[in-house]
């Protein structure tokens, strides 16, 4: 549904964060660096700790297997060997009650809460799908408007946006994947997303 150039533009995570903030969303405090001392200084201002994420594609094919680099906690600031070799994206850890995957198809939005008691999946739910449970959630009006603004600014007709929902109910934007998956949510949502995509394509609604 998206223009290929819009998909390419949207793949750059720092750009997403800047656009989300511009649209009024809350985003995690973020540092992009390859300097260990900069990471340590940043950590002093993040009371709940840090996570690290790759800047580019987090999936590789190696030895016939598909592997991905999950979001990881930075537990030992004394051992940052190797960080100097390439830029990394460090973010403050945002305390979470659960996460939400929000699928935007044009101005239509579908949201599913992702819940887990598994410690690793609590950091990155992609590490253990078997430990997840799902519930449909209502998107708050303010968030829905911010997502519509983000989609318009990014020039997207489809995207899968991920949010942390904090224990006090705040929605914090993590990232947008304009080619994001949603099929595994069909047992929760049925065919609603596919139907919405089909309707948009039938109307020729592409950018």
C-alpha atoms as a PDB file:
ATOM      1  CA  UNK A   1       0.000   0.000   0.000  1.00  0.00           C
ATOM      2  CA  UNK A   2       2.914   2.360   0.659  1.00  0.00           C
ATOM      3  CA  UNK A   3       5.156   3.939  -1.935  1.00  0.00           C
ATOM      4  CA  UNK A   4       8.504   2.054  -1.816  1.00  0.00           C
ATOM      5  CA  UNK A   5      10.386   5.274  -1.069  1.00  0.00           C
ATOM      6  CA  UNK A   6       8.138   5.947   1.944  1.00  0.00           C
ATOM      7  CA  UNK A   7       8.908   2.452   3.246  1.00  0.00           C
ATOM      8  CA  UNK A   8      12.634   3.122   2.830  1.00  0.00           C
ATOM      9  CA  UNK A   9      12.397   6.500   4.569  1.00  0.00           C
ATOM     10  CA  UNK A  10      10.392   5.013   7.441  1.00  0.00           C
ATOM     11  CA  UNK A  11      12.979   2.289   8.095  1.00  0.00           C
ATOM     12  CA  UNK A  12      15.297   4.787   9.826  1.00  0.00           C
ATOM     13  CA  UNK A  13      14.331   4.624  13.497  1.00  0.00           C
ATOM     14  CA  UNK A  14      15.711   8.029  14.639  1.00  0.00           C
ATOM     15  CA  UNK A  15      13.604   9.724  11.955  1.00  0.00           C
ATOM     16  CA  UNK A  16      10.522   7.911  13.257  1.00  0.00           C
ATOM     17  CA  UNK A  17      11.168   9.111  16.799  1.00  0.00           C
ATOM     18  CA  UNK A  18      11.574  12.710  15.637  1.00  0.00           C
ATOM     19  CA  UNK A  19       8.346  12.573  13.621  1.00  0.00           C
ATOM     20  CA  UNK A  20       6.432  10.910  16.467  1.00  0.00           C
ATOM     21  CA  UNK A  21       7.567  13.643  18.875  1.00  0.00           C
ATOM     22  CA  UNK A  22       6.590  16.277  16.329  1.00  0.00           C
ATOM     23  CA  UNK A  23       3.098  14.733  16.230  1.00  0.00           C
ATOM     24  CA  UNK A  24       2.784  15.006  20.000  1.00  0.00           C
ATOM     25  CA  UNK A  25       3.598  11.444  21.014  1.00  0.00           C
ATOM     26  CA  UNK A  26       5.682  10.632  24.063  1.00  0.00           C
ATOM     27  CA  UNK A  27       8.951   8.984  22.995  1.00  0.00           C
ATOM     28  CA  UNK A  28      11.774   7.488  25.084  1.00  0.00           C
ATOM     29  CA  UNK A  29      14.856   9.613  25.680  1.00  0.00           C
ATOM     30  CA  UNK A  30      17.362   8.364  23.109  1.00  0.00           C
ATOM     31  CA  UNK A  31      21.102   8.519  22.503  1.00  0.00           C
ATOM     32  CA  UNK A  32      22.824   7.439  19.301  1.00  0.00           C
ATOM     33  CA  UNK A  33      26.557   7.006  19.784  1.00  0.00           C
ATOM     34  CA  UNK A  34      29.569   4.733  19.539  1.00  0.00           C
ATOM     35  CA  UNK A  35      31.283   6.244  22.590  1.00  0.00           C
ATOM     36  CA  UNK A  36      31.205   4.269  25.829  1.00  0.00           C
ATOM     37  CA  UNK A  37      31.666   7.358  28.014  1.00  0.00           C
ATOM     38  CA  UNK A  38      28.667   9.019  26.359  1.00  0.00           C
ATOM     39  CA  UNK A  39      26.574   5.960  27.183  1.00  0.00           C
ATOM     40  CA  UNK A  40      27.645   6.106  30.838  1.00  0.00           C
ATOM     41  CA  UNK A  41      26.813   9.818  31.083  1.00  0.00           C
ATOM     42  CA  UNK A  42      23.421   9.185  29.491  1.00  0.00           C
ATOM     43  CA  UNK A  43      22.740   6.326  31.905  1.00  0.00           C
ATOM     44  CA  UNK A  44      23.099   8.663  34.874  1.00  0.00           C
ATOM     45  CA  UNK A  45      19.987  10.522  33.694  1.00  0.00           C
ATOM     46  CA  UNK A  46      17.845   7.403  33.173  1.00  0.00           C
ATOM     47  CA  UNK A  47      16.652   6.184  36.575  1.00  0.00           C
ATOM     48  CA  UNK A  48      15.140   2.945  35.250  1.00  0.00           C
ATOM     49  CA  UNK A  49      18.175   1.905  33.200  1.00  0.00           C
ATOM     50  CA  UNK A  50      18.933   1.555  29.504  1.00  0.00           C
ATOM     51  CA  UNK A  51      18.117  -0.653  26.558  1.00  0.00           C
ATOM     52  CA  UNK A  52      20.073  -0.943  23.335  1.00  0.00           C
ATOM     53  CA  UNK A  53      18.677  -1.492  19.849  1.00  0.00           C
ATOM     54  CA  UNK A  54      20.211  -1.887  16.417  1.00  0.00           C
ATOM     55  CA  UNK A  55      19.815   1.056  14.064  1.00  0.00           C
ATOM     56  CA  UNK A  56      19.346  -0.956  10.887  1.00  0.00           C
ATOM     57  CA  UNK A  57      17.543  -4.173  10.040  1.00  0.00           C
ATOM     58  CA  UNK A  58      17.534  -6.479  13.045  1.00  0.00           C
ATOM     59  CA  UNK A  59      17.104  -9.707  11.062  1.00  0.00           C
ATOM     60  CA  UNK A  60      19.908 -11.656   9.387  1.00  0.00           C
ATOM     61  CA  UNK A  61      20.116 -15.040   7.702  1.00  0.00           C
ATOM     62  CA  UNK A  62      23.069 -17.045   8.992  1.00  0.00           C
ATOM     63  CA  UNK A  63      23.938 -20.727   8.465  1.00  0.00           C
ATOM     64  CA  UNK A  64      20.496 -21.355   7.011  1.00  0.00           C
ATOM     65  CA  UNK A  65      18.723 -19.840  10.001  1.00  0.00           C
ATOM     66  CA  UNK A  66      16.835 -16.599  10.457  1.00  0.00           C
ATOM     67  CA  UNK A  67      18.120 -14.693  13.467  1.00  0.00           C
ATOM     68  CA  UNK A  68      17.218 -11.357  14.943  1.00  0.00           C
ATOM     69  CA  UNK A  69      18.766  -8.963  17.426  1.00  0.00           C
ATOM     70  CA  UNK A  70      16.239  -8.254  20.194  1.00  0.00           C
ATOM     71  CA  UNK A  71      16.046  -5.169  22.329  1.00  0.00           C
ATOM     72  CA  UNK A  72      18.371  -5.804  25.290  1.00  0.00           C
ATOM     73  CA  UNK A  73      18.858  -4.267  28.722  1.00  0.00           C
ATOM     74  CA  UNK A  74      22.261  -2.684  29.363  1.00  0.00           C
ATOM     75  CA  UNK A  75      23.081  -4.200  32.734  1.00  0.00           C
ATOM     76  CA  UNK A  76      26.818  -3.603  33.009  1.00  0.00           C
ATOM     77  CA  UNK A  77      28.058  -0.152  32.105  1.00  0.00           C
ATOM     78  CA  UNK A  78      31.611  -1.196  32.923  1.00  0.00           C
ATOM     79  CA  UNK A  79      31.648  -3.581  29.977  1.00  0.00           C
ATOM     80  CA  UNK A  80      30.882  -1.699  26.782  1.00  0.00           C
ATOM     81  CA  UNK A  81      33.710  -3.171  24.730  1.00  0.00           C
ATOM     82  CA  UNK A  82      32.978  -3.063  21.015  1.00  0.00           C
ATOM     83  CA  UNK A  83      30.508  -0.207  21.159  1.00  0.00           C
ATOM     84  CA  UNK A  84      33.095   1.971  19.406  1.00  0.00           C
ATOM     85  CA  UNK A  85      32.872  -0.019  16.176  1.00  0.00           C
ATOM     86  CA  UNK A  86      29.472   1.258  15.048  1.00  0.00           C
ATOM     87  CA  UNK A  87      26.646   3.551  16.136  1.00  0.00           C
ATOM     88  CA  UNK A  88      24.107   2.094  18.557  1.00  0.00           C
ATOM     89  CA  UNK A  89      20.712   3.346  19.651  1.00  0.00           C
ATOM     90  CA  UNK A  90      20.418   3.543  23.422  1.00  0.00           C
ATOM     91  CA  UNK A  91      17.128   4.430  25.071  1.00  0.00           C
ATOM     92  CA  UNK A  92      15.833   4.869  28.562  1.00  0.00           C
ATOM     93  CA  UNK A  93      13.958   1.841  29.860  1.00  0.00           C
ATOM     94  CA  UNK A  94      10.276   2.735  30.108  1.00  0.00           C
ATOM     95  CA  UNK A  95       8.451   0.807  32.848  1.00  0.00           C
ATOM     96  CA  UNK A  96       5.621  -1.085  31.212  1.00  0.00           C
ATOM     97  CA  UNK A  97       2.350  -2.700  32.164  1.00  0.00           C
ATOM     98  CA  UNK A  98       2.159  -4.192  28.677  1.00  0.00           C
ATOM     99  CA  UNK A  99       2.767  -3.281  25.055  1.00  0.00           C
ATOM    100  CA  UNK A 100       0.416  -2.505  22.196  1.00  0.00           C
ATOM    101  CA  UNK A 101       0.754  -3.263  18.519  1.00  0.00           C
ATOM    102  CA  UNK A 102      -1.368  -0.765  16.622  1.00  0.00           C
ATOM    103  CA  UNK A 103      -2.069  -1.466  12.964  1.00  0.00           C
ATOM    104  CA  UNK A 104      -2.954   1.632  10.953  1.00  0.00           C
ATOM    105  CA  UNK A 105      -4.656   1.176   7.586  1.00  0.00           C
ATOM    106  CA  UNK A 106      -5.281   4.652   6.259  1.00  0.00           C
ATOM    107  CA  UNK A 107      -7.198   6.366   9.054  1.00  0.00           C
ATOM    108  CA  UNK A 108      -8.529   3.068  10.453  1.00  0.00           C
ATOM    109  CA  UNK A 109      -6.724   1.670  13.494  1.00  0.00           C
ATOM    110  CA  UNK A 110      -6.655  -1.749  15.160  1.00  0.00           C
ATOM    111  CA  UNK A 111      -4.898  -2.232  18.493  1.00  0.00           C
ATOM    112  CA  UNK A 112      -3.965  -5.339  20.457  1.00  0.00           C
ATOM    113  CA  UNK A 113      -2.464  -5.377  23.942  1.00  0.00           C
ATOM    114  CA  UNK A 114       0.459  -7.790  24.288  1.00  0.00           C
ATOM    115  CA  UNK A 115       0.845  -9.260  27.769  1.00  0.00           C
ATOM    116  CA  UNK A 116       3.459 -11.592  29.257  1.00  0.00           C
ATOM    117  CA  UNK A 117       4.909 -12.773  32.550  1.00  0.00           C
ATOM    118  CA  UNK A 118       8.134 -14.001  30.924  1.00  0.00           C
ATOM    119  CA  UNK A 119      11.100 -11.779  31.922  1.00  0.00           C
ATOM    120  CA  UNK A 120      12.762 -11.893  28.496  1.00  0.00           C
ATOM    121  CA  UNK A 121       9.517 -11.316  26.602  1.00  0.00           C
ATOM    122  CA  UNK A 122       8.764  -8.421  28.944  1.00  0.00           C
ATOM    123  CA  UNK A 123      11.843  -6.713  27.480  1.00  0.00           C
ATOM    124  CA  UNK A 124      11.153  -7.780  23.877  1.00  0.00           C
ATOM    125  CA  UNK A 125       8.024  -9.824  23.234  1.00  0.00           C
ATOM    126  CA  UNK A 126       9.461 -11.227  19.998  1.00  0.00           C
ATOM    127  CA  UNK A 127      11.771 -13.475  22.028  1.00  0.00           C
ATOM    128  CA  UNK A 128       8.963 -15.796  23.192  1.00  0.00           C
ATOM    129  CA  UNK A 129       5.657 -15.781  21.320  1.00  0.00           C
ATOM    130  CA  UNK A 130       4.472 -18.789  23.347  1.00  0.00           C
ATOM    131  CA  UNK A 131       4.527 -16.664  26.502  1.00  0.00           C
ATOM    132  CA  UNK A 132       2.215 -13.963  25.115  1.00  0.00           C
ATOM    133  CA  UNK A 133      -1.481 -13.315  25.516  1.00  0.00           C
ATOM    134  CA  UNK A 134      -3.483 -10.776  23.526  1.00  0.00           C
ATOM    135  CA  UNK A 135      -6.450  -8.511  24.166  1.00  0.00           C
ATOM    136  CA  UNK A 136      -8.073  -5.982  21.892  1.00  0.00           C
ATOM    137  CA  UNK A 137      -7.778  -2.482  23.277  1.00  0.00           C
ATOM    138  CA  UNK A 138      -9.432   0.839  22.592  1.00  0.00           C
ATOM    139  CA  UNK A 139      -7.029   3.467  21.275  1.00  0.00           C
ATOM    140  CA  UNK A 140      -7.349   6.686  23.308  1.00  0.00           C
ATOM    141  CA  UNK A 141      -8.632   9.552  21.191  1.00  0.00           C
ATOM    142  CA  UNK A 142      -5.464  11.590  21.725  1.00  0.00           C
ATOM    143  CA  UNK A 143      -3.230   8.709  20.604  1.00  0.00           C
ATOM    144  CA  UNK A 144      -5.461   7.984  17.605  1.00  0.00           C
ATOM    145  CA  UNK A 145      -5.123  11.582  16.457  1.00  0.00           C
ATOM    146  CA  UNK A 146      -1.361  11.535  16.923  1.00  0.00           C
ATOM    147  CA  UNK A 147      -1.092   8.314  14.908  1.00  0.00           C
ATOM    148  CA  UNK A 148      -3.141   9.831  12.080  1.00  0.00           C
ATOM    149  CA  UNK A 149      -0.821  12.847  12.099  1.00  0.00           C
ATOM    150  CA  UNK A 150       2.232  10.568  12.065  1.00  0.00           C
ATOM    151  CA  UNK A 151       0.900   8.542   9.139  1.00  0.00           C
ATOM    152  CA  UNK A 152       0.220  11.707   7.155  1.00  0.00           C
ATOM    153  CA  UNK A 153       3.643  13.177   7.947  1.00  0.00           C
ATOM    154  CA  UNK A 154       5.383   9.904   7.013  1.00  0.00           C
ATOM    155  CA  UNK A 155       3.318   9.538   3.839  1.00  0.00           C
ATOM    156  CA  UNK A 156       2.155   6.052   4.833  1.00  0.00           C
ATOM    157  CA  UNK A 157      -1.095   4.218   4.215  1.00  0.00           C
ATOM    158  CA  UNK A 158      -0.111   1.176   6.291  1.00  0.00           C
ATOM    159  CA  UNK A 159       2.100   0.678   9.311  1.00  0.00           C
ATOM    160  CA  UNK A 160       2.433  -1.395  12.479  1.00  0.00           C
ATOM    161  CA  UNK A 161       3.245   0.885  15.393  1.00  0.00           C
ATOM    162  CA  UNK A 162       4.506  -0.382  18.741  1.00  0.00           C
ATOM    163  CA  UNK A 163       3.805   1.316  22.062  1.00  0.00           C
ATOM    164  CA  UNK A 164       4.615   0.713  25.714  1.00  0.00           C
ATOM    165  CA  UNK A 165       1.686   1.289  28.050  1.00  0.00           C
ATOM    166  CA  UNK A 166       3.097   2.315  31.422  1.00  0.00           C
ATOM    167  CA  UNK A 167       1.640   1.214  34.777  1.00  0.00           C
ATOM    168  CA  UNK A 168      -0.093   4.613  35.050  1.00  0.00           C
ATOM    169  CA  UNK A 169      -1.645   4.244  31.578  1.00  0.00           C
ATOM    170  CA  UNK A 170       0.591   6.469  29.432  1.00  0.00           C
ATOM    171  CA  UNK A 171       1.265   5.375  25.843  1.00  0.00           C
ATOM    172  CA  UNK A 172       4.923   5.707  24.801  1.00  0.00           C
ATOM    173  CA  UNK A 173       5.834   5.335  21.121  1.00  0.00           C
ATOM    174  CA  UNK A 174       8.612   2.843  20.351  1.00  0.00           C
ATOM    175  CA  UNK A 175       8.691   2.458  16.586  1.00  0.00           C
ATOM    176  CA  UNK A 176       6.781   2.112  13.342  1.00  0.00           C
ATOM    177  CA  UNK A 177       7.223  -0.737  10.878  1.00  0.00           C
ATOM    178  CA  UNK A 178       5.643   0.150   7.561  1.00  0.00           C
ATOM    179  CA  UNK A 179       5.925  -3.470   6.404  1.00  0.00           C
ATOM    180  CA  UNK A 180       5.020  -4.883   9.814  1.00  0.00           C
ATOM    181  CA  UNK A 181       3.365  -8.243  10.346  1.00  0.00           C
ATOM    182  CA  UNK A 182      -0.127  -8.708  11.698  1.00  0.00           C
ATOM    183  CA  UNK A 183      -1.227 -12.202  10.600  1.00  0.00           C
ATOM    184  CA  UNK A 184      -0.440 -13.799  13.960  1.00  0.00           C
ATOM    185  CA  UNK A 185      -3.027 -11.449  15.505  1.00  0.00           C
ATOM    186  CA  UNK A 186      -5.853 -12.821  13.348  1.00  0.00           C
ATOM    187  CA  UNK A 187      -7.086 -15.169  16.110  1.00  0.00           C
ATOM    188  CA  UNK A 188      -7.685 -12.001  18.172  1.00  0.00           C
ATOM    189  CA  UNK A 189      -8.842  -9.592  15.471  1.00  0.00           C
ATOM    190  CA  UNK A 190     -10.238 -11.929  12.820  1.00  0.00           C
ATOM    191  CA  UNK A 191      -9.888 -10.727   9.228  1.00  0.00           C
ATOM    192  CA  UNK A 192     -10.571  -7.073  10.016  1.00  0.00           C
ATOM    193  CA  UNK A 193      -7.099  -5.827   9.013  1.00  0.00           C
ATOM    194  CA  UNK A 194      -6.981  -7.805   5.779  1.00  0.00           C
ATOM    195  CA  UNK A 195     -10.485  -6.587   4.948  1.00  0.00           C
ATOM    196  CA  UNK A 196      -9.458  -2.976   5.539  1.00  0.00           C
ATOM    197  CA  UNK A 197      -6.368  -3.388   3.338  1.00  0.00           C
ATOM    198  CA  UNK A 198      -8.460  -4.984   0.579  1.00  0.00           C
ATOM    199  CA  UNK A 199     -10.950  -2.092   0.748  1.00  0.00           C
ATOM    200  CA  UNK A 200      -8.159   0.488   0.419  1.00  0.00           C
ATOM    201  CA  UNK A 201      -6.527  -1.331  -2.469  1.00  0.00           C
ATOM    202  CA  UNK A 202      -9.858  -1.682  -4.225  1.00  0.00           C
ATOM    203  CA  UNK A 203     -10.315   2.075  -3.942  1.00  0.00           C
ATOM    204  CA  UNK A 204      -6.806   2.696  -5.301  1.00  0.00           C
ATOM    205  CA  UNK A 205      -5.872   4.441  -2.039  1.00  0.00           C
ATOM    206  CA  UNK A 206      -2.079   4.332  -2.222  1.00  0.00           C
ATOM    207  CA  UNK A 207       0.664   6.886  -1.741  1.00  0.00           C
END
